[in-house]
Every structure is written in structure tokens, then in C-alpha cells.
Amino acid sequence: MAAKQAYNVERFFQALGDQTRLRLLNLMGDQEICVCYFVEILGGPQPKISRHLAYLRSAGIVSARRESKWMHYRIVMPPHIGAAQILKQTLGWLKEEKAMQADKARLTKACCSPSKYALLEGAPLPITLDAALCEVC
């Protein structure tokens, strides 16, 4: 029988210890989002955003799915119960932060008018985990 791999708690906390990664998590919330929205909302270069998303994936907080040329990301709860509780509390806390609310407002605006953003031309809308499209649109 294979030994169960220990959860990397240090990696988990390091993943939460960066402003860009917190902003990414806040934007995902309960949605699956194409990386192009992150680039548009955060205003950073795509390689930098992708590196942060890869870090979140390696920490077991985010999963990715490819659809044609688009990469979609969403939050997954870590297998460690303590880490899952901390992540839930962190996400709740982020919702209350003014800067995080501003990011969400920019995402909502981009979701409802993607044609106004060059990077979003042809991009799929974010999908909530209950499969409804952009909850505000």
C-alpha cells in the first residue's frame, strides 16, 4: 500500500502570501475564469499571471482546464481540512476588502462588455460553478 503524501502546508501559506495571487483567488471566487480576464483586470503581462496561477496550482488551490486556445482556472478546496478552512475564511475576508471589490467590479464590467477590451475578443465568459454564465450579465 502506497504511503499517503503529506500536504505541503508551507507551499499553501506561501501561495496565500502574495498580493497578486490573492487578487487572482478573489477574482475566481465561485467562477471558472479564462486567463485573459486576469490579464485584463490585473493589468499584468500574461507570463507573470500564468506563473502565479501555476504557483496556486502547485499549492493545490487552483485547477486548470484547456478549451481550444483558452485556459480556464477555478478554485479547488485543498485536501487538508485545516487548509480548506483557512482558504474559505481568506476568500470571505477578501470579499470585504475595497481593492478586491474594485477588481470584482472591473471583472463584472469586462464580463458584460467583453467587446470593449481587445484582449477579451472572442474569449469565453466566466462560468459560475453552478454552470450559469456571468452572474450579473
Protein backbone atom coordinates (compact mmCIF):
# COMPACT_ATOMS: atom_id res chain seq x y z
CA MET A 1 0.00 0.00 0.00
CA ALA A 2 1.41 3.40 -1.00
CA ALA A 3 2.08 5.91 1.73
CA LYS A 4 -0.18 8.95 1.71
CA GLN A 5 1.75 12.05 0.59
CA ALA A 6 1.80 14.76 3.25
CA TYR A 7 0.09 18.04 2.39
CA ASN A 8 2.61 20.82 1.80
CA VAL A 9 1.42 23.40 4.35
CA GLU A 10 4.38 25.70 3.72
CA ARG A 11 3.57 25.85 -0.01
CA PHE A 12 -0.08 26.58 0.83
CA PHE A 13 0.78 29.56 3.04
CA GLN A 14 3.35 30.84 0.56
CA ALA A 15 0.64 30.73 -2.12
CA LEU A 16 -1.57 32.94 0.06
CA GLY A 17 1.32 35.27 0.89
CA ASP A 18 1.33 37.22 -2.36
CA GLN A 19 -0.94 40.13 -3.36
CA THR A 20 -1.26 39.06 -7.00
CA ARG A 21 -2.24 35.51 -6.04
CA LEU A 22 -4.79 36.82 -3.54
CA ARG A 23 -6.25 39.03 -6.28
CA LEU A 24 -6.47 36.02 -8.61
CA LEU A 25 -8.25 33.96 -5.96
CA ASN A 26 -10.63 36.81 -5.27
CA LEU A 27 -11.48 37.13 -8.96
CA MET A 28 -12.12 33.42 -9.28
CA GLY A 29 -14.37 33.20 -6.24
CA ASP A 30 -17.02 30.70 -7.30
CA GLN A 31 -16.29 31.04 -11.02
CA GLU A 32 -14.13 29.40 -13.62
CA ILE A 33 -12.31 32.16 -15.50
CA CYS A 34 -10.20 32.34 -18.64
CA VAL A 35 -6.67 33.63 -18.04
CA CYS A 36 -7.27 36.51 -20.47
CA TYR A 37 -9.67 38.10 -17.94
CA PHE A 38 -6.97 38.02 -15.27
CA VAL A 39 -4.55 39.74 -17.62
CA GLU A 40 -7.13 42.42 -18.46
CA ILE A 41 -8.27 43.06 -14.88
CA LEU A 42 -4.87 42.93 -13.16
CA GLY A 43 -3.06 44.71 -15.98
CA GLY A 44 -0.02 42.46 -15.76
CA PRO A 45 1.78 40.57 -18.50
CA GLN A 46 0.32 37.16 -19.32
CA PRO A 47 3.52 35.23 -18.40
CA LYS A 48 3.52 36.80 -14.91
CA ILE A 49 -0.16 35.95 -14.37
CA SER A 50 0.44 32.41 -15.62
CA ARG A 51 3.38 31.95 -13.21
CA HIS A 52 1.16 32.98 -10.29
CA LEU A 53 -1.60 30.64 -11.46
CA ALA A 54 0.94 27.80 -11.74
CA TYR A 55 2.03 28.52 -8.16
CA LEU A 56 -1.58 28.31 -6.98
CA ARG A 57 -1.98 25.03 -8.89
CA SER A 58 1.14 23.56 -7.31
CA ALA A 59 -0.23 24.51 -3.88
CA GLY A 60 -3.42 22.57 -4.63
CA ILE A 61 -5.67 25.65 -4.52
CA VAL A 62 -6.47 26.07 -8.22
CA SER A 63 -7.19 23.72 -11.10
CA ALA A 64 -6.93 24.43 -14.82
CA ARG A 65 -8.78 23.27 -17.88
CA ARG A 66 -7.92 23.91 -21.53
CA GLU A 67 -10.66 24.61 -24.05
CA SER A 68 -9.22 25.16 -27.51
CA LYS A 69 -6.74 28.03 -27.07
CA TRP A 70 -8.27 29.21 -23.78
CA MET A 71 -7.06 28.21 -20.31
CA HIS A 72 -9.71 28.29 -17.60
CA TYR A 73 -8.94 28.39 -13.87
CA ARG A 74 -11.01 27.79 -10.77
CA ILE A 75 -10.51 27.34 -7.07
CA VAL A 76 -10.45 23.84 -5.63
CA MET A 77 -10.50 23.15 -1.92
CA PRO A 78 -7.26 21.68 -0.62
CA PRO A 79 -7.45 18.08 0.64
CA HIS A 80 -6.22 19.18 4.07
CA ILE A 81 -9.21 20.19 6.23
CA GLY A 82 -7.30 22.96 8.01
CA ALA A 83 -6.07 24.43 4.72
CA ALA A 84 -9.61 24.27 3.30
CA GLN A 85 -10.97 26.16 6.31
CA ILE A 86 -8.25 28.81 6.03
CA LEU A 87 -8.88 29.20 2.30
CA LYS A 88 -12.64 29.64 2.86
CA GLN A 89 -12.01 32.25 5.55
CA THR A 90 -9.45 34.04 3.36
CA LEU A 91 -11.87 34.18 0.43
CA GLY A 92 -14.54 35.63 2.72
CA TRP A 93 -12.10 38.21 4.02
CA LEU A 94 -11.05 39.21 0.51
CA LYS A 95 -14.69 39.95 -0.41
CA GLU A 96 -14.70 42.68 2.25
CA GLU A 97 -11.55 44.45 1.02
CA LYS A 98 -12.13 47.62 -1.06
CA ALA A 99 -9.33 46.88 -3.56
CA MET A 100 -10.65 43.35 -4.08
CA GLN A 101 -14.17 44.69 -4.58
CA ALA A 102 -12.80 47.08 -7.23
CA ASP A 103 -11.20 44.11 -9.04
CA LYS A 104 -14.55 42.27 -8.96
CA ALA A 105 -16.32 45.36 -10.32
CA ARG A 106 -13.83 45.53 -13.22
CA LEU A 107 -14.42 41.83 -13.89
CA THR A 108 -18.18 42.33 -13.95
CA LYS A 109 -17.79 45.24 -16.37
CA ALA A 110 -15.50 43.15 -18.60
CA CYS A 111 -17.89 40.17 -18.50
CA CYS A 112 -20.83 42.28 -19.57
CA SER A 113 -18.95 44.17 -22.33
CA PRO A 114 -16.04 41.98 -23.49
CA SER A 115 -16.02 43.64 -26.91
CA LYS A 116 -14.70 46.84 -25.26
CA TYR A 117 -11.48 45.02 -24.29
CA ALA A 118 -9.05 43.99 -27.04
CA LEU A 119 -7.58 41.11 -25.02
CA LEU A 120 -11.03 39.62 -24.46
CA GLU A 121 -12.11 39.45 -28.09
CA GLY A 122 -13.63 36.01 -28.60
CA ALA A 123 -12.86 34.93 -25.02
CA PRO A 124 -15.38 32.73 -23.24
CA LEU A 125 -17.28 34.35 -20.38
CA PRO A 126 -16.51 33.23 -16.83
CA ILE A 127 -18.74 30.39 -15.72
CA THR A 128 -20.01 30.09 -12.18
CA LEU A 129 -19.53 26.67 -10.64
CA ASP A 130 -23.28 26.10 -10.83
CA ALA A 131 -22.88 26.45 -14.65
CA ALA A 132 -24.69 29.79 -15.03
CA LEU A 133 -22.91 32.42 -17.12
CA CYS A 134 -21.54 35.63 -15.60
CA GLU A 135 -23.96 36.06 -12.71
CA VAL A 136 -24.50 39.78 -13.34
CA CYS A 137 -24.95 39.64 -17.14
